Amino acid sequence: RETIWRRQWGGEIKSSGLKRKEMIFPEQSKDSYMKLIPKKEDPISNFTLCLKVFSDLSRPQVLFSLATKQVDNEILLLRDSYQKISIFVGGSSVSYEVKTSPHHWMDMCVTWNSETGIVGFWHNGQRLVKKALKKGYTINEKPIIILGQEQDGYGEKFDPDQSFVGEIKNVYMWNRVLSPGEVRSVRYGDYPDPNIIDWESVEYEVAGNVVIEPSETHDNMEHKH
């Protein structure tokens, strides 16, 4: 059974999480999104973010958006095209050239270490070259986390031309940098104590045309061989 709370800012938050479920954003929009409620709101000076996405859209679209009142692109994962992914931290970005297909799920993990500024990016199980971004930076403000839209404000100012169209599942986030072995285990369905976002138990709010369906059980990326 799903328990529903109503918060003062409105909407419905369902407490049962999204284990073995996926989110479908079937059309371009300016008001369809999912808001994820983080398990903890401590300052973020390290993180790992993992998720799976499936889209045949060729225009730029947002995959993950975390904003604060101070900075709208605190953490942003943007697919610029089939061949390019951009990662933002604190409003600054690095980009990666990747080979993606409109016919398959994309499996991604991003790590960031404030002390060194080093960004790690895994795409479909392959680690790409490490880059550097916002050394010494910390996210101190309370975040709003949105799937489906890019926040050009704090939980607002959505641009339909950057909205996500497709499917998203298995969104997990930690306040630490996972080891390469842990990242590999995530690819096959082992999630070592995610303490910011746990897809299996996350509280969330859905607005607009967003459909929740069971995840395809034959997706062998979610099971060990």
N, C-alpha and C. Protein backbone atom coordinates (compact mmCIF):
# COMPACT_ATOMS: atom_id res chain seq x y z
N ARG A 1 0.84 -1.20 0.00
CA ARG A 1 0.00 0.00 0.00
C ARG A 1 0.86 1.24 0.00
N GLU A 2 0.39 2.28 -0.66
CA GLU A 2 1.11 3.55 -0.70
C GLU A 2 0.47 4.53 0.27
N THR A 3 1.29 5.14 1.09
CA THR A 3 0.82 6.17 2.00
C THR A 3 1.08 7.53 1.38
N ILE A 4 0.10 8.42 1.47
CA ILE A 4 0.23 9.73 0.83
C ILE A 4 0.14 10.82 1.90
N TRP A 5 1.12 11.73 1.88
CA TRP A 5 1.09 12.91 2.73
C TRP A 5 0.85 14.13 1.86
N ARG A 6 0.24 15.14 2.44
CA ARG A 6 0.15 16.42 1.74
C ARG A 6 1.03 17.42 2.49
N ARG A 7 1.88 18.08 1.75
CA ARG A 7 2.76 19.08 2.33
C ARG A 7 2.19 20.47 2.04
N GLN A 8 2.70 21.47 2.74
CA GLN A 8 2.13 22.80 2.62
C GLN A 8 2.31 23.40 1.23
N TRP A 9 3.31 22.92 0.48
CA TRP A 9 3.48 23.46 -0.87
C TRP A 9 2.65 22.72 -1.90
N GLY A 10 1.80 21.79 -1.44
CA GLY A 10 0.84 21.16 -2.34
C GLY A 10 1.39 19.92 -3.00
N GLY A 11 0.50 19.25 -3.73
CA GLY A 11 0.89 18.04 -4.43
C GLY A 11 0.81 16.82 -3.55
N GLU A 12 1.09 15.67 -4.12
CA GLU A 12 1.03 14.42 -3.38
C GLU A 12 2.41 13.78 -3.35
N ILE A 13 2.80 13.32 -2.19
CA ILE A 13 4.07 12.62 -2.04
C ILE A 13 3.77 11.18 -1.66
N LYS A 14 4.24 10.25 -2.43
CA LYS A 14 3.95 8.84 -2.19
C LYS A 14 5.18 8.19 -1.59
N SER A 15 4.97 7.53 -0.47
CA SER A 15 6.11 7.10 0.33
C SER A 15 6.68 5.75 -0.06
N SER A 16 6.01 5.02 -0.93
CA SER A 16 6.39 3.62 -1.15
C SER A 16 7.59 3.44 -2.07
N GLY A 17 8.09 4.54 -2.65
CA GLY A 17 9.26 4.44 -3.52
C GLY A 17 8.92 3.90 -4.89
N LEU A 18 9.97 3.61 -5.65
CA LEU A 18 9.80 3.28 -7.06
C LEU A 18 10.55 2.01 -7.44
N LYS A 19 10.67 1.09 -6.50
CA LYS A 19 11.35 -0.17 -6.79
C LYS A 19 10.67 -0.89 -7.95
N ARG A 20 11.49 -1.29 -8.93
CA ARG A 20 11.02 -1.98 -10.13
C ARG A 20 9.99 -1.17 -10.92
N LYS A 21 10.13 0.17 -10.83
CA LYS A 21 9.25 1.05 -11.59
C LYS A 21 10.07 2.02 -12.41
N GLU A 22 9.47 2.55 -13.45
CA GLU A 22 10.11 3.56 -14.27
C GLU A 22 9.14 4.71 -14.51
N MET A 23 9.72 5.88 -14.79
CA MET A 23 8.94 7.07 -15.09
C MET A 23 8.94 7.29 -16.59
N ILE A 24 7.77 7.55 -17.14
CA ILE A 24 7.64 7.83 -18.56
C ILE A 24 7.16 9.27 -18.73
N PHE A 25 7.95 10.05 -19.47
CA PHE A 25 7.58 11.41 -19.86
C PHE A 25 7.24 11.34 -21.35
N PRO A 26 5.97 11.19 -21.71
CA PRO A 26 5.61 10.83 -23.09
C PRO A 26 5.65 11.97 -24.10
N GLU A 27 5.71 13.22 -23.63
CA GLU A 27 5.65 14.33 -24.57
C GLU A 27 6.39 15.55 -24.03
N GLN A 28 6.79 16.42 -24.93
CA GLN A 28 7.41 17.68 -24.54
C GLN A 28 6.40 18.51 -23.76
N SER A 29 6.88 19.18 -22.71
CA SER A 29 5.97 19.97 -21.89
C SER A 29 6.73 21.04 -21.13
N LYS A 30 5.98 21.94 -20.51
CA LYS A 30 6.57 22.93 -19.61
C LYS A 30 6.11 22.72 -18.18
N ASP A 31 5.32 21.68 -17.93
CA ASP A 31 4.78 21.50 -16.58
C ASP A 31 4.70 20.05 -16.14
N SER A 32 5.35 19.13 -16.85
CA SER A 32 5.38 17.73 -16.44
C SER A 32 6.73 17.43 -15.80
N TYR A 33 6.72 16.94 -14.56
CA TYR A 33 7.97 16.67 -13.88
C TYR A 33 7.74 15.74 -12.70
N MET A 34 8.84 15.23 -12.16
CA MET A 34 8.84 14.51 -10.89
C MET A 34 9.81 15.22 -9.96
N LYS A 35 9.34 15.53 -8.76
CA LYS A 35 10.19 16.12 -7.73
C LYS A 35 10.58 15.01 -6.75
N LEU A 36 11.88 14.82 -6.55
CA LEU A 36 12.39 13.83 -5.61
C LEU A 36 12.75 14.51 -4.30
N ILE A 37 12.34 13.93 -3.18
CA ILE A 37 12.62 14.50 -1.87
C ILE A 37 13.85 13.80 -1.29
N PRO A 38 14.97 14.51 -1.11
CA PRO A 38 16.19 13.86 -0.62
C PRO A 38 16.03 13.34 0.80
N LYS A 39 16.71 12.23 1.10
CA LYS A 39 16.66 11.63 2.42
C LYS A 39 17.35 12.52 3.45
N LYS A 40 18.35 13.26 3.01
CA LYS A 40 19.07 14.16 3.91
C LYS A 40 19.39 15.44 3.16
N GLU A 41 19.50 16.54 3.90
CA GLU A 41 19.74 17.84 3.28
C GLU A 41 20.99 18.49 3.84
N ASP A 42 21.98 17.68 4.19
CA ASP A 42 23.26 18.20 4.65
C ASP A 42 24.01 18.84 3.48
N PRO A 43 24.98 19.70 3.76
CA PRO A 43 25.81 20.25 2.67
C PRO A 43 26.43 19.13 1.84
N ILE A 44 26.54 19.36 0.54
CA ILE A 44 27.09 18.36 -0.38
C ILE A 44 28.46 18.82 -0.86
N SER A 45 29.50 18.09 -0.47
CA SER A 45 30.85 18.40 -0.94
C SER A 45 31.45 17.23 -1.72
N ASN A 46 30.74 16.13 -1.78
CA ASN A 46 31.08 14.99 -2.63
C ASN A 46 29.77 14.33 -3.03
N PHE A 47 29.72 13.73 -4.19
CA PHE A 47 28.51 12.98 -4.52
C PHE A 47 28.79 11.95 -5.62
N THR A 48 27.90 10.96 -5.66
CA THR A 48 27.79 10.05 -6.79
C THR A 48 26.32 10.03 -7.20
N LEU A 49 26.06 10.16 -8.48
CA LEU A 49 24.71 10.13 -9.04
C LEU A 49 24.66 9.08 -10.13
N CYS A 50 23.72 8.13 -10.01
CA CYS A 50 23.55 7.09 -11.03
C CYS A 50 22.09 7.05 -11.48
N LEU A 51 21.89 6.79 -12.76
CA LEU A 51 20.54 6.67 -13.30
C LEU A 51 20.58 5.99 -14.67
N LYS A 52 19.40 5.55 -15.10
CA LYS A 52 19.24 4.96 -16.43
C LYS A 52 18.18 5.74 -17.18
N VAL A 53 18.45 6.05 -18.45
CA VAL A 53 17.51 6.81 -19.27
C VAL A 53 17.37 6.17 -20.65
N PHE A 54 16.21 6.41 -21.26
CA PHE A 54 15.90 5.85 -22.57
C PHE A 54 15.12 6.91 -23.33
N SER A 55 15.70 7.43 -24.42
CA SER A 55 15.05 8.47 -25.20
C SER A 55 15.55 8.46 -26.62
N ASP A 56 14.65 8.74 -27.56
CA ASP A 56 15.07 8.86 -28.96
C ASP A 56 15.05 10.31 -29.43
N LEU A 57 14.99 11.23 -28.46
CA LEU A 57 14.98 12.65 -28.79
C LEU A 57 16.39 13.11 -29.13
N SER A 58 16.54 13.87 -30.20
CA SER A 58 17.88 14.31 -30.62
C SER A 58 18.22 15.72 -30.12
N ARG A 59 17.22 16.50 -29.73
CA ARG A 59 17.51 17.85 -29.23
C ARG A 59 18.07 17.80 -27.81
N PRO A 60 18.67 18.90 -27.33
CA PRO A 60 19.14 18.92 -25.94
C PRO A 60 18.00 18.66 -24.96
N GLN A 61 18.29 17.90 -23.91
CA GLN A 61 17.28 17.65 -22.89
C GLN A 61 17.95 17.35 -21.56
N VAL A 62 17.27 17.76 -20.48
CA VAL A 62 17.80 17.59 -19.15
C VAL A 62 17.52 16.17 -18.66
N LEU A 63 18.51 15.57 -17.98
CA LEU A 63 18.35 14.23 -17.41
C LEU A 63 18.16 14.29 -15.89
N PHE A 64 18.75 15.31 -15.24
CA PHE A 64 18.68 15.46 -13.78
C PHE A 64 18.97 16.91 -13.45
N SER A 65 18.15 17.49 -12.56
CA SER A 65 18.32 18.90 -12.19
C SER A 65 18.20 19.07 -10.69
N LEU A 66 19.28 19.56 -10.07
CA LEU A 66 19.28 19.91 -8.64
C LEU A 66 19.61 21.39 -8.54
N ALA A 67 18.68 22.15 -7.95
CA ALA A 67 18.85 23.59 -7.83
C ALA A 67 18.73 24.03 -6.38
N THR A 68 19.37 25.16 -6.06
CA THR A 68 19.16 25.84 -4.78
C THR A 68 18.69 27.26 -5.10
N LYS A 69 18.36 27.99 -4.04
CA LYS A 69 17.93 29.38 -4.25
C LYS A 69 19.06 30.23 -4.81
N GLN A 70 20.30 29.83 -4.54
CA GLN A 70 21.45 30.61 -4.99
C GLN A 70 21.89 30.27 -6.41
N VAL A 71 21.83 28.98 -6.77
CA VAL A 71 22.35 28.52 -8.07
C VAL A 71 21.36 27.53 -8.67
N ASP A 72 20.88 27.81 -9.88
CA ASP A 72 19.90 26.89 -10.48
C ASP A 72 20.54 25.63 -11.04
N ASN A 73 21.78 25.71 -11.48
CA ASN A 73 22.48 24.53 -12.00
C ASN A 73 23.52 24.03 -10.99
N GLU A 74 23.05 23.77 -9.75
CA GLU A 74 23.97 23.24 -8.74
C GLU A 74 24.51 21.89 -9.18
N ILE A 75 23.61 20.99 -9.54
CA ILE A 75 24.01 19.72 -10.16
C ILE A 75 23.04 19.50 -11.32
N LEU A 76 23.58 19.42 -12.51
CA LEU A 76 22.76 19.26 -13.70
C LEU A 76 23.42 18.25 -14.63
N LEU A 77 22.62 17.31 -15.10
CA LEU A 77 23.07 16.35 -16.10
C LEU A 77 22.26 16.62 -17.36
N LEU A 78 22.95 17.01 -18.43
CA LEU A 78 22.29 17.45 -19.66
C LEU A 78 22.81 16.63 -20.84
N ARG A 79 21.88 16.07 -21.58
CA ARG A 79 22.28 15.41 -22.83
C ARG A 79 22.10 16.41 -23.95
N ASP A 80 23.22 16.93 -24.45
CA ASP A 80 23.17 17.95 -25.50
C ASP A 80 22.76 17.36 -26.84
N SER A 81 23.15 16.11 -27.07
CA SER A 81 22.84 15.43 -28.33
C SER A 81 23.11 13.94 -28.11
N TYR A 82 22.97 13.15 -29.16
CA TYR A 82 23.29 11.72 -29.05
C TYR A 82 24.76 11.49 -28.71
N GLN A 83 25.61 12.49 -29.00
CA GLN A 83 27.05 12.30 -28.84
C GLN A 83 27.67 13.13 -27.71
N LYS A 84 26.88 13.86 -26.92
CA LYS A 84 27.47 14.76 -25.94
C LYS A 84 26.64 14.81 -24.66
N ILE A 85 27.32 14.66 -23.52
CA ILE A 85 26.73 14.79 -22.21
C ILE A 85 27.48 15.89 -21.45
N SER A 86 26.75 16.82 -20.83
CA SER A 86 27.37 17.87 -20.02
C SER A 86 26.99 17.69 -18.56
N ILE A 87 27.98 17.90 -17.69
CA ILE A 87 27.80 17.76 -16.25
C ILE A 87 28.10 19.11 -15.61
N PHE A 88 27.13 19.64 -14.85
CA PHE A 88 27.28 20.92 -14.17
C PHE A 88 27.39 20.71 -12.67
N VAL A 89 28.28 21.46 -12.03
CA VAL A 89 28.36 21.56 -10.58
C VAL A 89 28.56 23.04 -10.25
N GLY A 90 27.69 23.59 -9.41
CA GLY A 90 27.83 24.98 -9.02
C GLY A 90 27.81 25.95 -10.18
N GLY A 91 27.09 25.60 -11.25
CA GLY A 91 26.95 26.48 -12.40
C GLY A 91 28.04 26.35 -13.45
N SER A 92 29.10 25.61 -13.17
CA SER A 92 30.18 25.37 -14.14
C SER A 92 30.03 23.96 -14.71
N SER A 93 30.62 23.71 -15.87
CA SER A 93 30.37 22.43 -16.52
C SER A 93 31.60 21.86 -17.21
N VAL A 94 31.56 20.54 -17.38
CA VAL A 94 32.47 19.82 -18.26
C VAL A 94 31.61 18.97 -19.18
N SER A 95 32.14 18.60 -20.34
CA SER A 95 31.38 17.84 -21.32
C SER A 95 32.13 16.59 -21.75
N TYR A 96 31.36 15.59 -22.17
CA TYR A 96 31.92 14.33 -22.63
C TYR A 96 31.32 13.94 -23.97
N GLU A 97 32.18 13.49 -24.86
CA GLU A 97 31.71 12.92 -26.13
C GLU A 97 31.39 11.44 -25.89
N VAL A 98 30.20 11.03 -26.22
CA VAL A 98 29.77 9.66 -25.99
C VAL A 98 29.06 9.13 -27.23
N LYS A 99 28.96 7.82 -27.30
CA LYS A 99 28.19 7.19 -28.36
C LYS A 99 26.92 6.61 -27.74
N THR A 100 25.78 7.17 -28.11
CA THR A 100 24.52 6.68 -27.58
C THR A 100 23.61 6.26 -28.72
N SER A 101 22.61 5.49 -28.37
CA SER A 101 21.67 4.98 -29.38
C SER A 101 20.24 5.33 -28.95
N PRO A 102 19.39 5.71 -29.90
CA PRO A 102 17.99 5.95 -29.55
C PRO A 102 17.21 4.66 -29.31
N HIS A 103 17.87 3.51 -29.45
CA HIS A 103 17.20 2.22 -29.34
C HIS A 103 17.55 1.45 -28.08
N HIS A 104 18.38 2.05 -27.20
CA HIS A 104 18.81 1.32 -26.01
C HIS A 104 18.83 2.24 -24.79
N TRP A 105 18.71 1.64 -23.61
CA TRP A 105 18.86 2.37 -22.37
C TRP A 105 20.31 2.90 -22.24
N MET A 106 20.44 4.09 -21.65
CA MET A 106 21.75 4.63 -21.28
C MET A 106 21.91 4.49 -19.77
N ASP A 107 23.05 3.99 -19.37
CA ASP A 107 23.38 3.73 -17.98
C ASP A 107 24.51 4.69 -17.61
N MET A 108 24.27 5.59 -16.63
CA MET A 108 25.26 6.62 -16.32
C MET A 108 25.49 6.75 -14.82
N CYS A 109 26.74 7.00 -14.45
CA CYS A 109 27.11 7.38 -13.08
C CYS A 109 28.07 8.55 -13.15
N VAL A 110 27.86 9.53 -12.29
CA VAL A 110 28.73 10.70 -12.17
C VAL A 110 29.24 10.78 -10.74
N THR A 111 30.54 11.01 -10.57
CA THR A 111 31.10 11.26 -9.25
C THR A 111 31.79 12.62 -9.26
N TRP A 112 31.79 13.26 -8.07
CA TRP A 112 32.48 14.56 -7.94
C TRP A 112 33.04 14.67 -6.53
N ASN A 113 34.30 15.09 -6.45
CA ASN A 113 35.01 15.25 -5.19
C ASN A 113 35.41 16.71 -5.04
N SER A 114 34.86 17.40 -4.05
CA SER A 114 35.14 18.82 -3.88
C SER A 114 36.61 19.09 -3.58
N GLU A 115 37.23 18.24 -2.78
CA GLU A 115 38.61 18.49 -2.36
C GLU A 115 39.56 18.59 -3.55
N THR A 116 39.34 17.75 -4.55
CA THR A 116 40.19 17.76 -5.74
C THR A 116 39.52 18.39 -6.96
N GLY A 117 38.19 18.47 -6.94
CA GLY A 117 37.43 18.93 -8.10
C GLY A 117 37.26 17.86 -9.17
N ILE A 118 37.74 16.66 -8.92
CA ILE A 118 37.73 15.62 -9.96
C ILE A 118 36.31 15.08 -10.20
N VAL A 119 35.97 15.04 -11.48
CA VAL A 119 34.71 14.45 -11.95
C VAL A 119 35.00 13.11 -12.60
N GLY A 120 34.25 12.09 -12.19
CA GLY A 120 34.31 10.80 -12.87
C GLY A 120 33.00 10.55 -13.58
N PHE A 121 33.05 9.97 -14.77
CA PHE A 121 31.83 9.73 -15.54
C PHE A 121 31.89 8.34 -16.16
N TRP A 122 30.91 7.52 -15.82
CA TRP A 122 30.76 6.18 -16.39
C TRP A 122 29.56 6.16 -17.32
N HIS A 123 29.77 5.69 -18.53
CA HIS A 123 28.69 5.61 -19.51
C HIS A 123 28.58 4.18 -20.02
N ASN A 124 27.45 3.55 -19.74
CA ASN A 124 27.23 2.15 -20.12
C ASN A 124 28.38 1.25 -19.67
N GLY A 125 28.82 1.48 -18.42
CA GLY A 125 29.83 0.62 -17.82
C GLY A 125 31.26 1.01 -18.12
N GLN A 126 31.48 1.98 -18.97
CA GLN A 126 32.83 2.40 -19.34
C GLN A 126 33.18 3.73 -18.68
N ARG A 127 34.30 3.77 -17.96
CA ARG A 127 34.72 5.04 -17.38
C ARG A 127 35.43 5.88 -18.42
N LEU A 128 35.01 7.13 -18.54
CA LEU A 128 35.66 8.05 -19.45
C LEU A 128 36.73 8.84 -18.68
N VAL A 129 37.48 9.67 -19.39
CA VAL A 129 38.60 10.38 -18.78
C VAL A 129 38.11 11.28 -17.65
N LYS A 130 38.89 11.34 -16.57
CA LYS A 130 38.54 12.21 -15.44
C LYS A 130 38.81 13.67 -15.79
N LYS A 131 37.92 14.54 -15.32
CA LYS A 131 38.06 15.98 -15.53
C LYS A 131 37.91 16.69 -14.20
N ALA A 132 38.10 18.00 -14.19
CA ALA A 132 38.05 18.77 -12.93
C ALA A 132 37.02 19.88 -13.02
N LEU A 133 36.38 20.14 -11.86
CA LEU A 133 35.27 21.10 -11.84
C LEU A 133 35.04 21.60 -10.41
N LYS A 134 35.06 22.91 -10.19
CA LYS A 134 34.66 23.56 -8.93
C LYS A 134 35.39 22.99 -7.71
N LYS A 135 36.71 22.95 -7.78
CA LYS A 135 37.51 22.50 -6.64
C LYS A 135 37.22 23.36 -5.42
N GLY A 136 36.97 22.70 -4.28
CA GLY A 136 36.72 23.41 -3.03
C GLY A 136 35.30 23.88 -2.83
N TYR A 137 34.42 23.58 -3.77
CA TYR A 137 33.03 24.07 -3.72
C TYR A 137 32.17 23.17 -2.83
N THR A 138 31.17 23.76 -2.19
CA THR A 138 30.19 23.00 -1.40
C THR A 138 28.80 23.54 -1.67
N ILE A 139 27.84 22.64 -1.81
CA ILE A 139 26.44 23.03 -1.95
C ILE A 139 25.85 23.07 -0.54
N ASN A 140 25.55 24.29 -0.08
CA ASN A 140 25.12 24.47 1.31
C ASN A 140 23.62 24.69 1.46
N GLU A 141 22.96 25.13 0.41
CA GLU A 141 21.55 25.47 0.50
C GLU A 141 20.65 24.24 0.32
N LYS A 142 19.40 24.35 0.78
CA LYS A 142 18.44 23.28 0.62
C LYS A 142 18.13 23.07 -0.87
N PRO A 143 18.25 21.83 -1.37
CA PRO A 143 18.06 21.61 -2.80
C PRO A 143 16.61 21.25 -3.16
N ILE A 144 16.27 21.53 -4.40
CA ILE A 144 15.09 20.95 -5.03
C ILE A 144 15.58 20.10 -6.20
N ILE A 145 15.13 18.84 -6.23
CA ILE A 145 15.58 17.89 -7.25
C ILE A 145 14.42 17.57 -8.17
N ILE A 146 14.63 17.79 -9.46
CA ILE A 146 13.58 17.62 -10.47
C ILE A 146 14.05 16.67 -11.57
N LEU A 147 13.19 15.75 -11.95
CA LEU A 147 13.37 14.96 -13.17
C LEU A 147 12.35 15.45 -14.20
N GLY A 148 12.77 15.56 -15.44
CA GLY A 148 11.86 15.92 -16.52
C GLY A 148 11.95 17.35 -16.99
N GLN A 149 12.48 18.24 -16.14
CA GLN A 149 12.60 19.66 -16.51
C GLN A 149 13.92 20.21 -15.98
N GLU A 150 14.45 21.22 -16.69
CA GLU A 150 15.60 21.95 -16.17
C GLU A 150 15.09 23.16 -15.40
N GLN A 151 15.60 23.34 -14.19
CA GLN A 151 15.21 24.47 -13.37
C GLN A 151 16.06 25.68 -13.73
N ASP A 152 15.42 26.72 -14.25
CA ASP A 152 16.12 28.00 -14.42
C ASP A 152 15.79 28.92 -13.27
N GLY A 153 15.11 28.39 -12.28
CA GLY A 153 14.85 29.04 -11.00
C GLY A 153 14.81 27.94 -9.95
N TYR A 154 14.37 28.29 -8.77
CA TYR A 154 14.32 27.33 -7.66
C TYR A 154 12.99 26.58 -7.73
N GLY A 155 13.00 25.44 -8.42
CA GLY A 155 11.78 24.66 -8.62
C GLY A 155 10.83 25.28 -9.61
N GLU A 156 11.35 26.11 -10.52
CA GLU A 156 10.46 26.81 -11.46
C GLU A 156 11.23 27.22 -12.71
N LYS A 157 10.53 27.99 -13.57
CA LYS A 157 11.09 28.53 -14.81
C LYS A 157 11.56 27.39 -15.72
N PHE A 158 10.63 26.54 -16.11
CA PHE A 158 10.93 25.41 -16.98
C PHE A 158 10.83 25.82 -18.45
N ASP A 159 11.74 25.31 -19.26
CA ASP A 159 11.76 25.56 -20.70
C ASP A 159 11.35 24.28 -21.41
N PRO A 160 10.21 24.26 -22.11
CA PRO A 160 9.77 23.02 -22.77
C PRO A 160 10.78 22.50 -23.79
N ASP A 161 11.60 23.39 -24.36
CA ASP A 161 12.57 22.96 -25.36
C ASP A 161 13.75 22.20 -24.74
N GLN A 162 13.82 22.17 -23.41
CA GLN A 162 14.84 21.38 -22.73
C GLN A 162 14.22 20.27 -21.87
N SER A 163 12.91 20.12 -21.96
CA SER A 163 12.24 19.09 -21.16
C SER A 163 12.64 17.70 -21.65
N PHE A 164 12.58 16.75 -20.73
CA PHE A 164 12.93 15.38 -21.07
C PHE A 164 11.72 14.66 -21.66
N VAL A 165 11.96 13.89 -22.71
CA VAL A 165 10.93 13.05 -23.31
C VAL A 165 11.51 11.65 -23.42
N GLY A 166 10.92 10.71 -22.70
CA GLY A 166 11.44 9.35 -22.70
C GLY A 166 11.16 8.67 -21.37
N GLU A 167 12.07 7.78 -20.96
CA GLU A 167 11.88 6.98 -19.75
C GLU A 167 13.11 7.12 -18.84
N ILE A 168 12.86 7.16 -17.54
CA ILE A 168 13.92 7.25 -16.53
C ILE A 168 13.63 6.24 -15.43
N LYS A 169 14.70 5.62 -14.93
CA LYS A 169 14.54 4.71 -13.79
C LYS A 169 15.85 4.62 -13.02
N ASN A 170 15.78 3.97 -11.86
CA ASN A 170 16.97 3.64 -11.05
C ASN A 170 17.85 4.85 -10.77
N VAL A 171 17.24 5.90 -10.22
CA VAL A 171 17.97 7.11 -9.83
C VAL A 171 18.44 6.94 -8.39
N TYR A 172 19.75 6.96 -8.20
CA TYR A 172 20.35 6.81 -6.87
C TYR A 172 21.41 7.89 -6.69
N MET A 173 21.52 8.38 -5.44
CA MET A 173 22.51 9.43 -5.18
C MET A 173 23.08 9.26 -3.78
N TRP A 174 24.40 9.45 -3.68
CA TRP A 174 25.15 9.33 -2.43
C TRP A 174 25.88 10.64 -2.14
N ASN A 175 26.20 10.90 -0.87
CA ASN A 175 27.00 12.07 -0.53
C ASN A 175 28.48 11.72 -0.41
N ARG A 176 28.91 10.76 -1.19
CA ARG A 176 30.30 10.36 -1.22
C ARG A 176 30.64 9.86 -2.63
N VAL A 177 31.93 9.72 -2.89
CA VAL A 177 32.38 9.19 -4.17
C VAL A 177 32.46 7.67 -4.06
N LEU A 178 31.66 6.97 -4.83
CA LEU A 178 31.72 5.51 -4.82
C LEU A 178 33.03 5.05 -5.46
N SER A 179 33.53 3.91 -5.00
CA SER A 179 34.73 3.33 -5.60
C SER A 179 34.38 2.77 -6.98
N PRO A 180 35.38 2.55 -7.85
CA PRO A 180 35.08 1.94 -9.16
C PRO A 180 34.36 0.61 -9.02
N GLY A 181 34.71 -0.18 -8.02
CA GLY A 181 34.02 -1.46 -7.82
C GLY A 181 32.57 -1.27 -7.45
N GLU A 182 32.29 -0.25 -6.62
CA GLU A 182 30.90 0.03 -6.25
C GLU A 182 30.11 0.52 -7.45
N VAL A 183 30.73 1.34 -8.29
CA VAL A 183 30.03 1.81 -9.50
C VAL A 183 29.70 0.62 -10.40
N ARG A 184 30.62 -0.30 -10.53
CA ARG A 184 30.33 -1.50 -11.35
C ARG A 184 29.18 -2.29 -10.76
N SER A 185 29.11 -2.38 -9.43
CA SER A 185 28.04 -3.14 -8.81
C SER A 185 26.69 -2.46 -9.01
N VAL A 186 26.68 -1.13 -9.04
CA VAL A 186 25.44 -0.40 -9.30
C VAL A 186 24.86 -0.77 -10.66
N ARG A 187 25.73 -0.94 -11.63
CA ARG A 187 25.28 -1.27 -12.99
C ARG A 187 24.47 -2.57 -13.00
N TYR A 188 24.77 -3.46 -12.07
CA TYR A 188 24.09 -4.76 -12.05
C TYR A 188 23.14 -4.92 -10.86
N GLY A 189 22.73 -3.78 -10.29
CA GLY A 189 21.63 -3.84 -9.35
C GLY A 189 21.97 -3.85 -7.88
N ASP A 190 23.24 -3.63 -7.50
CA ASP A 190 23.61 -3.52 -6.09
C ASP A 190 23.85 -2.05 -5.77
N TYR A 191 23.10 -1.52 -4.80
CA TYR A 191 23.16 -0.10 -4.48
C TYR A 191 23.59 0.06 -3.02
N PRO A 192 24.87 0.37 -2.77
CA PRO A 192 25.40 0.39 -1.40
C PRO A 192 24.93 1.60 -0.59
N ASP A 193 23.79 1.44 0.08
CA ASP A 193 23.27 2.43 1.03
C ASP A 193 23.21 3.86 0.48
N PRO A 194 22.42 4.10 -0.56
CA PRO A 194 22.28 5.47 -1.08
C PRO A 194 21.61 6.36 -0.03
N ASN A 195 22.26 7.46 0.34
CA ASN A 195 21.76 8.25 1.46
C ASN A 195 21.23 9.63 1.08
N ILE A 196 21.19 9.96 -0.20
CA ILE A 196 20.49 11.17 -0.65
C ILE A 196 19.22 10.79 -1.41
N ILE A 197 19.36 9.95 -2.43
CA ILE A 197 18.20 9.43 -3.15
C ILE A 197 18.31 7.92 -3.25
N ASP A 198 17.30 7.24 -2.76
CA ASP A 198 17.18 5.78 -2.89
C ASP A 198 15.91 5.51 -3.68
N TRP A 199 16.04 5.12 -4.95
CA TRP A 199 14.90 4.92 -5.83
C TRP A 199 13.86 3.98 -5.22
N GLU A 200 14.30 3.05 -4.41
CA GLU A 200 13.39 2.05 -3.86
C GLU A 200 12.48 2.62 -2.77
N SER A 201 12.89 3.70 -2.13
CA SER A 201 12.11 4.23 -1.02
C SER A 201 11.87 5.74 -1.11
N VAL A 202 12.29 6.38 -2.19
CA VAL A 202 12.26 7.84 -2.29
C VAL A 202 10.81 8.37 -2.21
N GLU A 203 10.65 9.49 -1.52
CA GLU A 203 9.39 10.23 -1.56
C GLU A 203 9.42 11.14 -2.77
N TYR A 204 8.28 11.32 -3.39
CA TYR A 204 8.27 12.09 -4.63
C TYR A 204 6.92 12.76 -4.86
N GLU A 205 6.94 13.77 -5.72
CA GLU A 205 5.73 14.44 -6.18
C GLU A 205 5.73 14.41 -7.71
N VAL A 206 4.59 14.11 -8.29
CA VAL A 206 4.46 14.07 -9.74
C VAL A 206 3.49 15.16 -10.18
N ALA A 207 3.84 15.88 -11.25
CA ALA A 207 2.97 16.90 -11.81
C ALA A 207 2.88 16.71 -13.32
N GLY A 208 1.73 17.03 -13.89
CA GLY A 208 1.56 16.96 -15.34
C GLY A 208 1.44 15.53 -15.86
N ASN A 209 1.85 15.36 -17.09
CA ASN A 209 1.70 14.08 -17.78
C ASN A 209 2.95 13.22 -17.58
N VAL A 210 3.00 12.55 -16.44
CA VAL A 210 4.08 11.63 -16.11
C VAL A 210 3.44 10.30 -15.73
N VAL A 211 3.89 9.22 -16.33
CA VAL A 211 3.29 7.91 -16.12
C VAL A 211 4.28 7.00 -15.39
N ILE A 212 3.81 6.32 -14.36
CA ILE A 212 4.62 5.35 -13.63
C ILE A 212 4.20 3.95 -14.07
N GLU A 213 5.15 3.16 -14.55
CA GLU A 213 4.85 1.80 -14.97
C GLU A 213 5.89 0.84 -14.39
N PRO A 214 5.56 -0.45 -14.32
CA PRO A 214 6.56 -1.44 -13.90
C PRO A 214 7.74 -1.44 -14.85
N SER A 215 8.94 -1.55 -14.30
CA SER A 215 10.14 -1.63 -15.12
C SER A 215 10.18 -2.97 -15.83
N GLU A 216 10.75 -2.99 -17.01
CA GLU A 216 10.81 -4.22 -17.79
C GLU A 216 11.72 -5.22 -17.10
N THR A 217 11.18 -6.37 -16.76
CA THR A 217 11.94 -7.35 -15.99
C THR A 217 13.03 -8.02 -16.80
N HIS A 218 12.94 -7.96 -18.14
CA HIS A 218 13.96 -8.62 -18.95
C HIS A 218 15.17 -7.74 -19.20
N ASP A 219 15.19 -6.55 -18.60
CA ASP A 219 16.35 -5.67 -18.76
C ASP A 219 17.52 -6.26 -17.98
N ASN A 220 18.42 -6.95 -18.68
CA ASN A 220 19.48 -7.70 -17.99
C ASN A 220 20.54 -6.78 -17.40
N MET A 221 20.44 -5.47 -17.65
CA MET A 221 21.38 -4.54 -17.04
C MET A 221 21.13 -4.43 -15.54
N GLU A 222 19.96 -4.89 -15.06
CA GLU A 222 19.64 -4.76 -13.65
C GLU A 222 19.94 -6.02 -12.87
N HIS A 223 20.51 -7.02 -13.51
CA HIS A 223 20.75 -8.28 -12.81
C HIS A 223 22.17 -8.74 -13.06
N LYS A 224 22.75 -9.35 -12.08
CA LYS A 224 24.08 -9.91 -12.25
C LYS A 224 24.02 -11.12 -13.16
N HIS A 225 25.09 -11.31 -13.89
CA HIS A 225 25.17 -12.48 -14.78
C HIS A 225 25.79 -13.65 -14.04
